[in-house]
Every structure is written in C-alpha cells, then in structure tokens.
Amino acid sequence: MQDLEKAKAYLSKETGLATVSTTQQDGRVLSSVVNCGVSDHPITGISSVALVSMGKAARITHIRRGSEVTVAIRRGWNWISVTGPAEIVGPDNLPEGMDSEALRLLLREVYQAAGGVHDDFDEYDRAMAHERRVAVFVMPDRILGNSPQG
C-alpha cells in the first residue's frame, strides 16, 4: 500500500511522533501524542501503524470497546492520517500461538519501528512487563493527506 509507505516515511522523522485519536463511550474524541511506526501484525502479517501503550491507558479501553483509531502525522505543513480498526496484543490479549517471549520481542520490534532506542533492552523488557504494556496495530482502512510528494 503506497500511502502506508508515505505514512512510514513521515513517521521515520521526529521519532514517530503522531497524534492518536479514539472515540470515548460518550462520543467525544480523545487524542494523545505518541510514537508510532509501521510494523506487520504478528498474526495476519498486515502492515499496520503500530505503537506501544500502557495497558491501562484510556485509548486501550476505547479500542477494546470497538473504537476505530486515527493516527495523524504532521511534518511541517504536510500531513497524513491513517484510520482503521485496531487490535491489541498484550499480556491479557495474547493471540493463539503467541507466548510471553513472543510478546517481549514484539514490544521491542514495535518500539524500534517507532524510532525508539534503548541502552539496556533487558531493563526495557522488565519495564514493559511490569507496566503491562501492549502493542496496538491500526489496520489502514482509510489514508488521507495533503502532500502528493510525501
């Protein structure tokens, strides 16, 4: 998907900084700034916009309830947004065939795809497990933007 490649190029700048929006139960939109990257879903293999999130974050509650997710990426006056359903992979949402070791490696992979670097990945792994972090994969149903050249 060519537009997802454009999103990936945008995300590769500014360490994947993007605005992620979900819909709250009362219909209001909740937006937050996070680091995202493009990564393949561990089960389906679908290229998706992915991020690592605290398991107790409000956005995770919204996604579990069925909220679609929009990831908006702005670089200068140009922008691109990716909207679609999201899937959570975490300690309470392990797909069949995945274990805690696979989750540990997946969280590293998504973190690095989002521009993350770490001096001590063993410490990173401990923090991710302690904080019950999850990986979120946003499958691109709609991609919009204002920059034809990316």
N, C-alpha and C. Protein backbone atom coordinates (compact mmCIF):
# COMPACT_ATOMS: atom_id res chain seq x y z
N MET A 1 0.85 -1.17 0.00
CA MET A 1 0.00 0.00 0.00
C MET A 1 0.90 1.23 0.00
N GLN A 2 0.87 1.96 -1.12
CA GLN A 2 1.78 3.09 -1.30
C GLN A 2 1.57 4.18 -0.26
N ASP A 3 0.31 4.50 0.09
CA ASP A 3 0.07 5.55 1.08
C ASP A 3 0.60 5.17 2.45
N LEU A 4 0.58 3.88 2.79
CA LEU A 4 1.13 3.47 4.08
C LEU A 4 2.65 3.65 4.07
N GLU A 5 3.28 3.48 2.92
CA GLU A 5 4.71 3.76 2.81
C GLU A 5 4.98 5.25 3.04
N LYS A 6 4.07 6.11 2.57
CA LYS A 6 4.21 7.55 2.82
C LYS A 6 4.09 7.83 4.31
N ALA A 7 3.12 7.17 4.97
CA ALA A 7 2.97 7.32 6.42
C ALA A 7 4.23 6.85 7.13
N LYS A 8 4.80 5.75 6.66
CA LYS A 8 6.03 5.23 7.26
C LYS A 8 7.17 6.24 7.11
N ALA A 9 7.25 6.89 5.95
CA ALA A 9 8.29 7.90 5.73
C ALA A 9 8.09 9.09 6.66
N TYR A 10 6.86 9.53 6.84
CA TYR A 10 6.57 10.62 7.76
C TYR A 10 6.95 10.21 9.19
N LEU A 11 6.57 8.99 9.57
CA LEU A 11 6.84 8.53 10.94
C LEU A 11 8.33 8.37 11.20
N SER A 12 9.11 8.11 10.17
CA SER A 12 10.55 7.93 10.37
C SER A 12 11.24 9.22 10.79
N LYS A 13 10.54 10.33 10.60
CA LYS A 13 11.04 11.63 11.04
C LYS A 13 10.47 11.92 12.42
N GLU A 14 11.15 12.65 13.22
CA GLU A 14 10.70 13.05 14.56
C GLU A 14 10.32 11.84 15.42
N THR A 15 11.10 10.79 15.34
CA THR A 15 10.92 9.55 16.12
C THR A 15 9.48 9.08 16.19
N GLY A 16 8.79 9.13 15.07
CA GLY A 16 7.45 8.57 15.00
C GLY A 16 6.36 9.37 15.69
N LEU A 17 6.64 10.60 16.03
CA LEU A 17 5.67 11.41 16.76
C LEU A 17 4.39 11.59 15.95
N ALA A 18 3.26 11.26 16.58
CA ALA A 18 1.96 11.35 15.91
C ALA A 18 0.87 11.57 16.96
N THR A 19 -0.29 12.01 16.49
CA THR A 19 -1.45 12.15 17.35
C THR A 19 -2.37 10.96 17.10
N VAL A 20 -2.73 10.27 18.17
CA VAL A 20 -3.62 9.12 18.08
C VAL A 20 -4.95 9.51 18.70
N SER A 21 -6.04 9.26 17.95
CA SER A 21 -7.37 9.62 18.43
C SER A 21 -8.27 8.39 18.45
N THR A 22 -9.05 8.30 19.53
CA THR A 22 -10.05 7.24 19.69
C THR A 22 -11.36 7.92 20.10
N THR A 23 -12.44 7.15 20.04
CA THR A 23 -13.74 7.67 20.44
C THR A 23 -14.10 7.14 21.82
N GLN A 24 -14.42 8.07 22.71
CA GLN A 24 -14.84 7.71 24.05
C GLN A 24 -16.28 7.18 24.03
N GLN A 25 -16.69 6.56 25.09
CA GLN A 25 -18.02 5.97 25.17
C GLN A 25 -19.12 7.01 24.95
N ASP A 26 -18.88 8.26 25.38
CA ASP A 26 -19.90 9.30 25.22
C ASP A 26 -19.83 9.98 23.85
N GLY A 27 -18.98 9.49 22.96
CA GLY A 27 -18.88 10.01 21.61
C GLY A 27 -17.83 11.08 21.40
N ARG A 28 -17.27 11.60 22.49
CA ARG A 28 -16.21 12.60 22.35
C ARG A 28 -14.93 11.91 21.88
N VAL A 29 -14.07 12.69 21.25
CA VAL A 29 -12.79 12.18 20.76
C VAL A 29 -11.72 12.42 21.81
N LEU A 30 -10.90 11.41 22.04
CA LEU A 30 -9.74 11.54 22.91
C LEU A 30 -8.49 11.44 22.04
N SER A 31 -7.63 12.44 22.12
CA SER A 31 -6.39 12.46 21.35
C SER A 31 -5.20 12.54 22.28
N SER A 32 -4.12 11.88 21.90
CA SER A 32 -2.88 11.95 22.66
C SER A 32 -1.71 11.82 21.69
N VAL A 33 -0.58 12.34 22.10
CA VAL A 33 0.63 12.29 21.28
C VAL A 33 1.44 11.07 21.71
N VAL A 34 1.81 10.26 20.74
CA VAL A 34 2.57 9.04 21.00
C VAL A 34 3.61 8.85 19.89
N ASN A 35 4.43 7.85 20.03
CA ASN A 35 5.38 7.47 18.98
C ASN A 35 4.84 6.23 18.28
N CYS A 36 4.78 6.28 16.96
CA CYS A 36 4.25 5.18 16.15
C CYS A 36 5.27 4.80 15.08
N GLY A 37 5.08 3.62 14.55
CA GLY A 37 5.85 3.16 13.41
C GLY A 37 4.97 2.27 12.56
N VAL A 38 5.51 1.77 11.47
CA VAL A 38 4.78 0.81 10.65
C VAL A 38 5.42 -0.55 10.88
N SER A 39 4.56 -1.51 11.20
CA SER A 39 5.03 -2.86 11.52
C SER A 39 3.97 -3.84 11.06
N ASP A 40 4.39 -5.05 10.75
CA ASP A 40 3.44 -6.08 10.35
C ASP A 40 2.77 -6.68 11.57
N HIS A 41 1.46 -6.88 11.45
CA HIS A 41 0.70 -7.53 12.52
C HIS A 41 1.29 -8.94 12.73
N PRO A 42 1.51 -9.35 13.98
CA PRO A 42 2.21 -10.62 14.23
C PRO A 42 1.44 -11.87 13.78
N ILE A 43 0.14 -11.79 13.62
CA ILE A 43 -0.65 -12.96 13.21
C ILE A 43 -1.07 -12.86 11.75
N THR A 44 -1.64 -11.72 11.35
CA THR A 44 -2.16 -11.58 9.98
C THR A 44 -1.09 -11.18 8.97
N GLY A 45 0.00 -10.56 9.45
CA GLY A 45 1.04 -10.08 8.56
C GLY A 45 0.67 -8.77 7.86
N ILE A 46 -0.49 -8.19 8.17
CA ILE A 46 -0.92 -6.94 7.54
C ILE A 46 -0.06 -5.79 8.05
N SER A 47 0.48 -5.00 7.12
CA SER A 47 1.23 -3.81 7.51
C SER A 47 0.28 -2.83 8.16
N SER A 48 0.66 -2.36 9.33
CA SER A 48 -0.21 -1.52 10.15
C SER A 48 0.62 -0.43 10.80
N VAL A 49 -0.06 0.63 11.23
CA VAL A 49 0.59 1.61 12.08
C VAL A 49 0.54 1.02 13.49
N ALA A 50 1.67 0.99 14.15
CA ALA A 50 1.75 0.31 15.44
C ALA A 50 2.38 1.22 16.49
N LEU A 51 1.99 0.96 17.74
CA LEU A 51 2.54 1.70 18.87
C LEU A 51 2.53 0.82 20.10
N VAL A 52 3.34 1.18 21.07
CA VAL A 52 3.35 0.52 22.38
C VAL A 52 2.62 1.46 23.34
N SER A 53 1.72 0.90 24.14
CA SER A 53 0.90 1.71 25.03
C SER A 53 0.83 1.07 26.41
N MET A 54 0.61 1.92 27.41
CA MET A 54 0.29 1.41 28.74
C MET A 54 -1.02 0.63 28.62
N GLY A 55 -1.08 -0.52 29.23
CA GLY A 55 -2.28 -1.34 29.16
C GLY A 55 -3.50 -0.70 29.80
N LYS A 56 -3.26 0.22 30.74
CA LYS A 56 -4.38 0.87 31.43
C LYS A 56 -4.74 2.23 30.83
N ALA A 57 -4.14 2.59 29.69
CA ALA A 57 -4.44 3.87 29.05
C ALA A 57 -5.89 3.88 28.57
N ALA A 58 -6.50 5.05 28.60
CA ALA A 58 -7.90 5.18 28.17
C ALA A 58 -8.08 4.72 26.73
N ARG A 59 -7.09 4.99 25.86
CA ARG A 59 -7.23 4.58 24.46
C ARG A 59 -7.41 3.07 24.33
N ILE A 60 -6.79 2.31 25.24
CA ILE A 60 -6.91 0.85 25.19
C ILE A 60 -8.34 0.44 25.54
N THR A 61 -8.93 1.09 26.53
CA THR A 61 -10.33 0.84 26.88
C THR A 61 -11.23 1.12 25.68
N HIS A 62 -10.98 2.22 24.98
CA HIS A 62 -11.78 2.59 23.81
C HIS A 62 -11.64 1.56 22.71
N ILE A 63 -10.42 1.12 22.46
CA ILE A 63 -10.19 0.12 21.41
C ILE A 63 -10.88 -1.19 21.77
N ARG A 64 -10.78 -1.60 23.01
CA ARG A 64 -11.45 -2.84 23.44
C ARG A 64 -12.96 -2.74 23.23
N ARG A 65 -13.50 -1.54 23.37
CA ARG A 65 -14.92 -1.32 23.19
C ARG A 65 -15.29 -1.27 21.71
N GLY A 66 -14.31 -1.16 20.82
CA GLY A 66 -14.58 -1.17 19.38
C GLY A 66 -14.28 0.12 18.65
N SER A 67 -13.71 1.11 19.34
CA SER A 67 -13.37 2.37 18.70
C SER A 67 -12.36 2.15 17.58
N GLU A 68 -12.61 2.78 16.44
CA GLU A 68 -11.56 2.85 15.44
C GLU A 68 -10.51 3.83 15.94
N VAL A 69 -9.37 3.84 15.29
CA VAL A 69 -8.27 4.71 15.69
C VAL A 69 -7.83 5.51 14.47
N THR A 70 -7.55 6.78 14.71
CA THR A 70 -6.94 7.62 13.68
C THR A 70 -5.57 8.05 14.18
N VAL A 71 -4.57 7.86 13.34
CA VAL A 71 -3.21 8.31 13.62
C VAL A 71 -2.92 9.45 12.64
N ALA A 72 -2.70 10.65 13.17
CA ALA A 72 -2.42 11.82 12.34
C ALA A 72 -0.96 12.21 12.51
N ILE A 73 -0.27 12.34 11.38
CA ILE A 73 1.16 12.64 11.39
C ILE A 73 1.35 13.95 10.63
N ARG A 74 1.96 14.94 11.27
CA ARG A 74 2.22 16.23 10.65
C ARG A 74 3.72 16.48 10.60
N ARG A 75 4.18 16.84 9.45
CA ARG A 75 5.57 17.26 9.29
C ARG A 75 5.55 18.56 8.50
N GLY A 76 5.86 19.65 9.17
CA GLY A 76 5.74 20.96 8.54
C GLY A 76 4.27 21.24 8.24
N TRP A 77 4.00 21.69 7.00
CA TRP A 77 2.62 21.97 6.60
C TRP A 77 1.96 20.75 5.96
N ASN A 78 2.67 19.65 5.88
CA ASN A 78 2.13 18.44 5.27
C ASN A 78 1.67 17.46 6.33
N TRP A 79 0.67 16.66 6.00
CA TRP A 79 0.12 15.71 6.96
C TRP A 79 -0.41 14.49 6.23
N ILE A 80 -0.54 13.43 6.98
CA ILE A 80 -1.17 12.20 6.50
C ILE A 80 -1.84 11.56 7.71
N SER A 81 -3.00 10.97 7.49
CA SER A 81 -3.68 10.29 8.59
C SER A 81 -4.07 8.89 8.14
N VAL A 82 -4.02 7.97 9.10
CA VAL A 82 -4.37 6.57 8.87
C VAL A 82 -5.48 6.24 9.86
N THR A 83 -6.61 5.75 9.34
CA THR A 83 -7.75 5.39 10.18
C THR A 83 -8.14 3.95 9.92
N GLY A 84 -8.50 3.25 10.99
CA GLY A 84 -8.99 1.89 10.83
C GLY A 84 -9.20 1.22 12.16
N PRO A 85 -9.65 -0.01 12.11
CA PRO A 85 -9.82 -0.77 13.34
C PRO A 85 -8.46 -1.10 13.93
N ALA A 86 -8.44 -1.28 15.22
CA ALA A 86 -7.16 -1.57 15.89
C ALA A 86 -7.27 -2.89 16.65
N GLU A 87 -6.15 -3.53 16.78
CA GLU A 87 -6.07 -4.76 17.56
C GLU A 87 -4.98 -4.62 18.60
N ILE A 88 -5.26 -5.13 19.78
CA ILE A 88 -4.33 -5.07 20.90
C ILE A 88 -3.68 -6.43 21.08
N VAL A 89 -2.36 -6.42 21.24
CA VAL A 89 -1.62 -7.63 21.58
C VAL A 89 -0.86 -7.33 22.86
N GLY A 90 -1.20 -8.01 23.93
CA GLY A 90 -0.57 -7.77 25.22
C GLY A 90 -0.75 -8.94 26.14
N PRO A 91 -0.32 -8.79 27.37
CA PRO A 91 -0.36 -9.92 28.31
C PRO A 91 -1.77 -10.45 28.55
N ASP A 92 -2.79 -9.60 28.38
CA ASP A 92 -4.17 -10.06 28.54
C ASP A 92 -4.85 -10.31 27.20
N ASN A 93 -4.13 -10.13 26.10
CA ASN A 93 -4.68 -10.28 24.76
C ASN A 93 -3.70 -11.03 23.86
N LEU A 94 -3.16 -12.14 24.34
CA LEU A 94 -2.21 -12.89 23.52
C LEU A 94 -2.96 -13.76 22.51
N PRO A 95 -2.70 -13.55 21.22
CA PRO A 95 -3.32 -14.41 20.23
C PRO A 95 -2.83 -15.85 20.38
N GLU A 96 -3.63 -16.77 19.91
CA GLU A 96 -3.23 -18.18 19.96
C GLU A 96 -1.90 -18.34 19.23
N GLY A 97 -1.00 -19.07 19.84
CA GLY A 97 0.31 -19.30 19.26
C GLY A 97 1.37 -18.32 19.72
N MET A 98 0.98 -17.28 20.45
CA MET A 98 1.96 -16.34 20.99
C MET A 98 2.11 -16.58 22.47
N ASP A 99 3.35 -16.49 22.95
CA ASP A 99 3.60 -16.61 24.38
C ASP A 99 4.28 -15.33 24.88
N SER A 100 4.63 -15.32 26.14
CA SER A 100 5.22 -14.11 26.73
C SER A 100 6.55 -13.74 26.07
N GLU A 101 7.31 -14.72 25.63
CA GLU A 101 8.57 -14.43 24.95
C GLU A 101 8.31 -13.75 23.61
N ALA A 102 7.33 -14.23 22.86
CA ALA A 102 6.98 -13.60 21.59
C ALA A 102 6.48 -12.18 21.82
N LEU A 103 5.72 -11.96 22.89
CA LEU A 103 5.24 -10.62 23.22
C LEU A 103 6.41 -9.71 23.56
N ARG A 104 7.36 -10.20 24.33
CA ARG A 104 8.54 -9.41 24.69
C ARG A 104 9.26 -8.93 23.44
N LEU A 105 9.45 -9.81 22.48
CA LEU A 105 10.14 -9.45 21.24
C LEU A 105 9.28 -8.52 20.38
N LEU A 106 7.97 -8.73 20.38
CA LEU A 106 7.07 -7.88 19.61
C LEU A 106 7.08 -6.44 20.14
N LEU A 107 7.06 -6.28 21.45
CA LEU A 107 7.10 -4.94 22.03
C LEU A 107 8.39 -4.21 21.66
N ARG A 108 9.49 -4.94 21.64
CA ARG A 108 10.76 -4.35 21.20
C ARG A 108 10.67 -3.92 19.74
N GLU A 109 10.13 -4.81 18.90
CA GLU A 109 10.04 -4.56 17.46
C GLU A 109 9.20 -3.31 17.17
N VAL A 110 8.05 -3.20 17.82
CA VAL A 110 7.18 -2.04 17.60
C VAL A 110 7.85 -0.78 18.13
N TYR A 111 8.46 -0.86 19.29
CA TYR A 111 9.19 0.28 19.88
C TYR A 111 10.27 0.78 18.92
N GLN A 112 11.02 -0.13 18.35
CA GLN A 112 12.09 0.25 17.43
C GLN A 112 11.52 0.78 16.11
N ALA A 113 10.41 0.22 15.63
CA ALA A 113 9.77 0.72 14.41
C ALA A 113 9.29 2.15 14.61
N ALA A 114 8.97 2.51 15.86
CA ALA A 114 8.52 3.86 16.19
C ALA A 114 9.70 4.80 16.48
N GLY A 115 10.90 4.36 16.20
CA GLY A 115 12.07 5.21 16.39
C GLY A 115 12.72 5.09 17.75
N GLY A 116 12.23 4.15 18.57
CA GLY A 116 12.76 4.00 19.91
C GLY A 116 14.14 3.36 19.93
N VAL A 117 14.98 3.87 20.80
CA VAL A 117 16.30 3.29 21.06
C VAL A 117 16.44 3.15 22.57
N HIS A 118 17.21 2.19 22.99
CA HIS A 118 17.37 1.96 24.43
C HIS A 118 18.77 1.43 24.69
N ASP A 119 19.38 1.88 25.77
CA ASP A 119 20.72 1.44 26.14
C ASP A 119 20.73 0.06 26.79
N ASP A 120 19.60 -0.34 27.35
CA ASP A 120 19.53 -1.61 28.10
C ASP A 120 18.19 -2.26 27.85
N PHE A 121 18.14 -3.12 26.82
CA PHE A 121 16.87 -3.75 26.47
C PHE A 121 16.38 -4.74 27.53
N ASP A 122 17.27 -5.26 28.36
CA ASP A 122 16.78 -6.11 29.45
C ASP A 122 15.95 -5.27 30.42
N GLU A 123 16.41 -4.06 30.71
CA GLU A 123 15.64 -3.15 31.56
C GLU A 123 14.33 -2.75 30.87
N TYR A 124 14.40 -2.48 29.58
CA TYR A 124 13.20 -2.15 28.81
C TYR A 124 12.17 -3.28 28.94
N ASP A 125 12.63 -4.51 28.75
CA ASP A 125 11.72 -5.67 28.85
C ASP A 125 11.07 -5.76 30.22
N ARG A 126 11.87 -5.53 31.27
CA ARG A 126 11.32 -5.58 32.63
C ARG A 126 10.25 -4.50 32.84
N ALA A 127 10.53 -3.30 32.35
CA ALA A 127 9.57 -2.20 32.50
C ALA A 127 8.29 -2.49 31.71
N MET A 128 8.41 -3.03 30.51
CA MET A 128 7.23 -3.33 29.70
C MET A 128 6.35 -4.38 30.39
N ALA A 129 6.99 -5.38 30.97
CA ALA A 129 6.23 -6.44 31.67
C ALA A 129 5.59 -5.87 32.93
N HIS A 130 6.35 -5.10 33.70
CA HIS A 130 5.84 -4.53 34.95
C HIS A 130 4.65 -3.59 34.70
N GLU A 131 4.72 -2.80 33.62
CA GLU A 131 3.68 -1.83 33.29
C GLU A 131 2.55 -2.44 32.46
N ARG A 132 2.68 -3.75 32.14
CA ARG A 132 1.67 -4.46 31.34
C ARG A 132 1.40 -3.73 30.03
N ARG A 133 2.48 -3.34 29.38
CA ARG A 133 2.39 -2.64 28.11
C ARG A 133 1.83 -3.58 27.03
N VAL A 134 1.20 -2.95 26.04
CA VAL A 134 0.61 -3.68 24.93
C VAL A 134 1.08 -3.07 23.62
N ALA A 135 1.00 -3.86 22.57
CA ALA A 135 1.22 -3.35 21.22
C ALA A 135 -0.15 -3.14 20.59
N VAL A 136 -0.32 -2.02 19.90
CA VAL A 136 -1.56 -1.70 19.21
C VAL A 136 -1.25 -1.64 17.72
N PHE A 137 -2.07 -2.34 16.93
CA PHE A 137 -1.91 -2.35 15.48
C PHE A 137 -3.15 -1.75 14.85
N VAL A 138 -2.97 -0.64 14.12
CA VAL A 138 -4.07 0.04 13.44
C VAL A 138 -4.04 -0.39 11.97
N MET A 139 -5.06 -1.15 11.56
CA MET A 139 -5.13 -1.62 10.19
C MET A 139 -5.69 -0.50 9.31
N PRO A 140 -4.98 -0.12 8.24
CA PRO A 140 -5.36 1.06 7.46
C PRO A 140 -6.57 0.81 6.55
N ASP A 141 -7.73 1.35 6.94
CA ASP A 141 -8.91 1.33 6.08
C ASP A 141 -8.98 2.58 5.22
N ARG A 142 -8.49 3.71 5.79
CA ARG A 142 -8.56 4.98 5.07
C ARG A 142 -7.27 5.74 5.36
N ILE A 143 -6.65 6.24 4.30
CA ILE A 143 -5.45 7.05 4.43
C ILE A 143 -5.68 8.34 3.65
N LEU A 144 -5.55 9.45 4.36
CA LEU A 144 -5.74 10.76 3.75
C LEU A 144 -4.50 11.60 3.96
N GLY A 145 -4.32 12.63 3.15
CA GLY A 145 -3.20 13.53 3.34
C GLY A 145 -3.23 14.67 2.36
N ASN A 146 -2.35 15.63 2.56
CA ASN A 146 -2.32 16.79 1.69
C ASN A 146 -1.03 16.92 0.90
N SER A 147 -0.15 15.93 0.95
CA SER A 147 1.14 16.05 0.29
C SER A 147 1.29 14.95 -0.76
N PRO A 148 1.10 15.28 -2.04
CA PRO A 148 1.21 14.25 -3.08
C PRO A 148 2.64 13.70 -3.23
N GLN A 149 3.63 14.47 -2.81
CA GLN A 149 5.02 14.01 -2.95
C GLN A 149 5.56 13.37 -1.70
N GLY A 150 4.87 13.48 -0.53
CA GLY A 150 5.34 12.89 0.73
C GLY A 150 6.54 13.58 1.22
